[in-house]
Amino acid sequence: MATVTFYEKPGCSGNLRQKLLLAASGHTVQARDLNAEAWSADRLLAFLGNLEIGEWFNRSAPLVKSGEIVPDNLGFEQALHLLLDNPLLIRRPLMEIVRGTTTERCVGFDPVVVDAWIGLNHVGFSAGNLESCARDSNRHVSGTGPAHAASDGDGAEKANHGRCGAH
């Protein structure tokens, strides 16, 4: 089983469901407050760098939902600055594990992809989007599929596992 560093918004019911699923699957979850972390551009890009800019953002964030921020219309620098200035805009959870000398990072929570990545050991999960806030779980939120980043430059891992990989 993996030890997962899990960057979350404390008190978020969606992140709570995700952590419970990981723990029930036998993983050790080390929760960290996404907003309290000292994010640098390089550190954040280790998670997000291989994704489309629009996939960097939490689509449930009030500024995104209101249309004040339209992630798909942002350039690289502008998007990165927005996320560094307001980490609650970052798509979550951000998850990180270490396998030997390799660090693997994941953005978002699709149970099928997380199962393929670290295993969920056939633990059942409720239907619906496990990435969205529980109060929004009856709605489809576009752009909330799984996203995993790879920084080793090897496209094979990315091709084999969607957006899953090692850093």
C-alpha atoms as a PDB file:
ATOM      1  CA  MET A   1       0.000   0.000   0.000  1.00  0.00           C
ATOM      2  CA  ALA A   2       1.076   3.564  -0.649  1.00  0.00           C
ATOM      3  CA  THR A   3       1.592   6.534   1.602  1.00  0.00           C
ATOM      4  CA  VAL A   4      -0.301   9.330  -0.135  1.00  0.00           C
ATOM      5  CA  THR A   5       0.434  12.973   0.551  1.00  0.00           C
ATOM      6  CA  PHE A   6      -3.002  14.446  -0.050  1.00  0.00           C
ATOM      7  CA  TYR A   7      -3.302  18.215  -0.619  1.00  0.00           C
ATOM      8  CA  GLU A   8      -6.848  19.248   0.210  1.00  0.00           C
ATOM      9  CA  LYS A   9      -9.122  22.024   1.291  1.00  0.00           C
ATOM     10  CA  PRO A  10      -9.746  21.178   4.966  1.00  0.00           C
ATOM     11  CA  GLY A  11     -13.438  20.747   5.660  1.00  0.00           C
ATOM     12  CA  CYS A  12     -14.271  19.883   2.051  1.00  0.00           C
ATOM     13  CA  SER A  13     -16.709  16.976   2.081  1.00  0.00           C
ATOM     14  CA  GLY A  14     -15.502  15.786  -1.331  1.00  0.00           C
ATOM     15  CA  ASN A  15     -11.909  15.574  -0.120  1.00  0.00           C
ATOM     16  CA  LEU A  16     -13.131  13.751   3.000  1.00  0.00           C
ATOM     17  CA  ARG A  17     -14.855  11.098   0.847  1.00  0.00           C
ATOM     18  CA  GLN A  18     -11.688  10.692  -1.219  1.00  0.00           C
ATOM     19  CA  LYS A  19      -9.474  10.283   1.863  1.00  0.00           C
ATOM     20  CA  LEU A  20     -11.875   7.756   3.376  1.00  0.00           C
ATOM     21  CA  LEU A  21     -11.812   5.712   0.165  1.00  0.00           C
ATOM     22  CA  LEU A  22      -8.009   5.734   0.115  1.00  0.00           C
ATOM     23  CA  ALA A  23      -7.800   4.738   3.792  1.00  0.00           C
ATOM     24  CA  ALA A  24     -10.412   1.984   3.376  1.00  0.00           C
ATOM     25  CA  SER A  25      -8.242   0.651   0.555  1.00  0.00           C
ATOM     26  CA  GLY A  26      -5.304   0.300   2.927  1.00  0.00           C
ATOM     27  CA  HIS A  27      -3.355   3.415   1.995  1.00  0.00           C
ATOM     28  CA  THR A  28      -1.868   5.799   4.530  1.00  0.00           C
ATOM     29  CA  VAL A  29      -3.142   9.321   3.889  1.00  0.00           C
ATOM     30  CA  GLN A  30      -1.108  12.312   5.009  1.00  0.00           C
ATOM     31  CA  ALA A  31      -3.460  15.255   4.564  1.00  0.00           C
ATOM     32  CA  ARG A  32      -2.049  18.716   3.948  1.00  0.00           C
ATOM     33  CA  ASP A  33      -3.837  22.041   3.662  1.00  0.00           C
ATOM     34  CA  LEU A  34      -3.557  23.095   0.017  1.00  0.00           C
ATOM     35  CA  ASN A  35      -3.940  26.757   0.971  1.00  0.00           C
ATOM     36  CA  ALA A  36      -1.248  26.662   3.672  1.00  0.00           C
ATOM     37  CA  GLU A  37       1.469  25.098   1.496  1.00  0.00           C
ATOM     38  CA  ALA A  38       4.326  27.234   0.196  1.00  0.00           C
ATOM     39  CA  TRP A  39       3.720  26.725  -3.521  1.00  0.00           C
ATOM     40  CA  SER A  40       6.381  27.825  -5.958  1.00  0.00           C
ATOM     41  CA  ALA A  41       5.888  27.804  -9.695  1.00  0.00           C
ATOM     42  CA  ASP A  42       8.211  24.806 -10.092  1.00  0.00           C
ATOM     43  CA  ARG A  43       6.560  22.830  -7.306  1.00  0.00           C
ATOM     44  CA  LEU A  44       3.051  23.443  -8.624  1.00  0.00           C
ATOM     45  CA  LEU A  45       4.069  22.704 -12.198  1.00  0.00           C
ATOM     46  CA  ALA A  46       5.448  19.330 -11.049  1.00  0.00           C
ATOM     47  CA  PHE A  47       1.759  18.419 -10.595  1.00  0.00           C
ATOM     48  CA  LEU A  48       0.151  20.443 -13.387  1.00  0.00           C
ATOM     49  CA  GLY A  49       2.824  20.885 -16.036  1.00  0.00           C
ATOM     50  CA  ASN A  50       1.629  18.281 -18.549  1.00  0.00           C
ATOM     51  CA  LEU A  51      -2.030  19.259 -18.392  1.00  0.00           C
ATOM     52  CA  GLU A  52      -3.958  21.735 -20.465  1.00  0.00           C
ATOM     53  CA  ILE A  53      -4.214  25.059 -18.603  1.00  0.00           C
ATOM     54  CA  GLY A  54      -7.970  24.705 -18.205  1.00  0.00           C
ATOM     55  CA  GLU A  55      -7.400  21.424 -16.324  1.00  0.00           C
ATOM     56  CA  TRP A  56      -5.336  23.206 -13.661  1.00  0.00           C
ATOM     57  CA  PHE A  57      -8.398  24.834 -12.118  1.00  0.00           C
ATOM     58  CA  ASN A  58     -11.001  23.726  -9.606  1.00  0.00           C
ATOM     59  CA  ARG A  59     -14.175  24.084 -11.665  1.00  0.00           C
ATOM     60  CA  SER A  60     -16.190  24.380  -8.438  1.00  0.00           C
ATOM     61  CA  ALA A  61     -14.267  27.429  -7.203  1.00  0.00           C
ATOM     62  CA  PRO A  62     -16.654  30.388  -6.852  1.00  0.00           C
ATOM     63  CA  LEU A  63     -14.571  32.642  -9.146  1.00  0.00           C
ATOM     64  CA  VAL A  64     -14.625  29.950 -11.838  1.00  0.00           C
ATOM     65  CA  LYS A  65     -18.291  29.047 -11.403  1.00  0.00           C
ATOM     66  CA  SER A  66     -19.288  32.722 -11.595  1.00  0.00           C
ATOM     67  CA  GLY A  67     -17.371  33.173 -14.848  1.00  0.00           C
ATOM     68  CA  GLU A  68     -15.061  35.805 -13.355  1.00  0.00           C
ATOM     69  CA  ILE A  69     -12.180  33.447 -14.186  1.00  0.00           C
ATOM     70  CA  VAL A  70     -12.438  31.413 -17.383  1.00  0.00           C
ATOM     71  CA  PRO A  71      -9.561  28.925 -17.199  1.00  0.00           C
ATOM     72  CA  ASP A  72      -9.708  27.967 -20.866  1.00  0.00           C
ATOM     73  CA  ASN A  73      -9.113  31.600 -21.857  1.00  0.00           C
ATOM     74  CA  LEU A  74      -5.970  32.105 -19.765  1.00  0.00           C
ATOM     75  CA  GLY A  75      -2.373  32.092 -20.864  1.00  0.00           C
ATOM     76  CA  PHE A  76       0.299  30.099 -19.082  1.00  0.00           C
ATOM     77  CA  GLU A  77       1.778  32.924 -16.974  1.00  0.00           C
ATOM     78  CA  GLN A  78      -1.583  34.438 -16.058  1.00  0.00           C
ATOM     79  CA  ALA A  79      -3.013  31.057 -15.004  1.00  0.00           C
ATOM     80  CA  LEU A  80       0.053  30.166 -12.967  1.00  0.00           C
ATOM     81  CA  HIS A  81       0.002  33.515 -11.141  1.00  0.00           C
ATOM     82  CA  LEU A  82      -3.696  33.139 -10.325  1.00  0.00           C
ATOM     83  CA  LEU A  83      -3.105  29.699  -8.811  1.00  0.00           C
ATOM     84  CA  LEU A  84      -0.066  30.796  -6.823  1.00  0.00           C
ATOM     85  CA  ASP A  85      -1.954  33.829  -5.497  1.00  0.00           C
ATOM     86  CA  ASN A  86      -5.063  31.795  -4.618  1.00  0.00           C
ATOM     87  CA  PRO A  87      -4.332  28.065  -4.112  1.00  0.00           C
ATOM     88  CA  LEU A  88      -8.010  27.307  -3.597  1.00  0.00           C
ATOM     89  CA  LEU A  89      -8.337  27.763  -7.362  1.00  0.00           C
ATOM     90  CA  ILE A  90      -6.095  24.701  -7.844  1.00  0.00           C
ATOM     91  CA  ARG A  91      -7.880  21.558  -8.926  1.00  0.00           C
ATOM     92  CA  ARG A  92      -7.830  19.101  -6.065  1.00  0.00           C
ATOM     93  CA  PRO A  93      -6.848  16.889  -4.615  1.00  0.00           C
ATOM     94  CA  LEU A  94      -3.213  16.967  -5.477  1.00  0.00           C
ATOM     95  CA  MET A  95      -1.767  13.596  -4.497  1.00  0.00           C
ATOM     96  CA  GLU A  96       1.810  12.438  -4.323  1.00  0.00           C
ATOM     97  CA  ILE A  97       3.463   9.090  -3.623  1.00  0.00           C
ATOM     98  CA  VAL A  98       7.046   7.887  -3.654  1.00  0.00           C
ATOM     99  CA  ARG A  99       7.935   4.520  -5.190  1.00  0.00           C
ATOM    100  CA  GLY A 100      11.601   3.822  -4.641  1.00  0.00           C
ATOM    101  CA  THR A 101      13.417   6.809  -6.084  1.00  0.00           C
ATOM    102  CA  THR A 102      10.464   7.988  -8.178  1.00  0.00           C
ATOM    103  CA  THR A 103       7.866  10.519  -7.091  1.00  0.00           C
ATOM    104  CA  GLU A 104       4.475  10.190  -8.767  1.00  0.00           C
ATOM    105  CA  ARG A 105       1.889  12.929  -8.709  1.00  0.00           C
ATOM    106  CA  CYS A 106      -1.804  13.000  -9.485  1.00  0.00           C
ATOM    107  CA  VAL A 107      -4.348  15.785  -9.931  1.00  0.00           C
ATOM    108  CA  GLY A 108      -8.061  15.170  -9.378  1.00  0.00           C
ATOM    109  CA  PHE A 109      -9.835  12.056  -8.168  1.00  0.00           C
ATOM    110  CA  ASP A 110     -11.382   9.617 -10.588  1.00  0.00           C
ATOM    111  CA  PRO A 111     -11.670   6.318  -8.700  1.00  0.00           C
ATOM    112  CA  VAL A 112     -11.061   4.235 -11.836  1.00  0.00           C
ATOM    113  CA  VAL A 113      -7.791   6.040 -12.545  1.00  0.00           C
ATOM    114  CA  VAL A 114      -6.734   6.109  -8.887  1.00  0.00           C
ATOM    115  CA  ASP A 115      -7.425   2.362  -8.749  1.00  0.00           C
ATOM    116  CA  ALA A 116      -5.171   1.807 -11.770  1.00  0.00           C
ATOM    117  CA  TRP A 117      -2.516   4.110 -10.271  1.00  0.00           C
ATOM    118  CA  ILE A 118      -2.250   2.858  -6.661  1.00  0.00           C
ATOM    119  CA  GLY A 119      -5.144   0.426  -6.232  1.00  0.00           C
ATOM    120  CA  LEU A 120      -8.408   0.805  -4.371  1.00  0.00           C
ATOM    121  CA  ASN A 121      -8.575  -2.920  -3.536  1.00  0.00           C
ATOM    122  CA  HIS A 122     -12.152  -3.368  -4.694  1.00  0.00           C
ATOM    123  CA  VAL A 123     -13.458  -1.011  -2.034  1.00  0.00           C
ATOM    124  CA  GLY A 124     -16.861   0.184  -3.161  1.00  0.00           C
ATOM    125  CA  PHE A 125     -17.565   3.820  -3.783  1.00  0.00           C
ATOM    126  CA  SER A 126     -20.791   5.662  -4.308  1.00  0.00           C
ATOM    127  CA  ALA A 127     -21.864   6.633  -7.763  1.00  0.00           C
ATOM    128  CA  GLY A 128     -21.235  10.156  -8.860  1.00  0.00           C
ATOM    129  CA  ASN A 129     -18.324  12.468  -9.246  1.00  0.00           C
ATOM    130  CA  LEU A 130     -15.891  11.978  -6.364  1.00  0.00           C
ATOM    131  CA  GLU A 131     -13.974  15.072  -7.412  1.00  0.00           C
ATOM    132  CA  SER A 132     -16.801  17.536  -6.955  1.00  0.00           C
ATOM    133  CA  CYS A 133     -18.131  18.944  -3.727  1.00  0.00           C
ATOM    134  CA  ALA A 134     -20.774  16.691  -2.180  1.00  0.00           C
ATOM    135  CA  ARG A 135     -23.365  19.434  -2.444  1.00  0.00           C
ATOM    136  CA  ASP A 136     -22.711  19.484  -6.213  1.00  0.00           C
ATOM    137  CA  SER A 137     -22.617  15.692  -6.641  1.00  0.00           C
ATOM    138  CA  ASN A 138     -25.934  15.526  -8.481  1.00  0.00           C
ATOM    139  CA  ARG A 139     -24.608  17.801 -11.205  1.00  0.00           C
ATOM    140  CA  HIS A 140     -22.088  17.038 -13.864  1.00  0.00           C
ATOM    141  CA  VAL A 141     -19.113  19.346 -13.596  1.00  0.00           C
ATOM    142  CA  SER A 142     -17.246  19.607 -16.872  1.00  0.00           C
ATOM    143  CA  GLY A 143     -13.509  19.229 -16.827  1.00  0.00           C
ATOM    144  CA  THR A 144     -13.401  17.115 -13.682  1.00  0.00           C
ATOM    145  CA  GLY A 145     -11.976  13.905 -15.041  1.00  0.00           C
ATOM    146  CA  PRO A 146      -8.676  12.603 -13.705  1.00  0.00           C
ATOM    147  CA  ALA A 147      -5.439  14.282 -14.449  1.00  0.00           C
ATOM    148  CA  HIS A 148      -1.969  13.020 -13.721  1.00  0.00           C
ATOM    149  CA  ALA A 149       1.327  14.618 -14.595  1.00  0.00           C
ATOM    150  CA  ALA A 150       4.659  13.150 -15.637  1.00  0.00           C
ATOM    151  CA  SER A 151       7.906  15.094 -15.577  1.00  0.00           C
ATOM    152  CA  ASP A 152      10.436  12.549 -16.752  1.00  0.00           C
ATOM    153  CA  GLY A 153       9.816  13.418 -20.393  1.00  0.00           C
ATOM    154  CA  ASP A 154       8.915   9.799 -21.206  1.00  0.00           C
ATOM    155  CA  GLY A 155       5.629   9.714 -23.100  1.00  0.00           C
ATOM    156  CA  ALA A 156       5.223   5.946 -22.620  1.00  0.00           C
ATOM    157  CA  GLU A 157       4.048   6.185 -19.012  1.00  0.00           C
ATOM    158  CA  LYS A 158       1.680   9.004 -19.936  1.00  0.00           C
ATOM    159  CA  ALA A 159       0.283   7.018 -22.867  1.00  0.00           C
ATOM    160  CA  ASN A 160      -0.192   3.882 -20.780  1.00  0.00           C
ATOM    161  CA  HIS A 161      -1.925   5.519 -17.846  1.00  0.00           C
ATOM    162  CA  GLY A 162      -3.708   8.557 -19.198  1.00  0.00           C
ATOM    163  CA  ARG A 163      -2.109  11.376 -17.317  1.00  0.00           C
ATOM    164  CA  CYS A 164      -0.362   9.348 -14.662  1.00  0.00           C
ATOM    165  CA  GLY A 165       3.330   9.274 -14.145  1.00  0.00           C
ATOM    166  CA  ALA A 166       6.518   9.785 -12.290  1.00  0.00           C
ATOM    167  CA  HIS A 167       8.400  12.933 -11.299  1.00  0.00           C
END
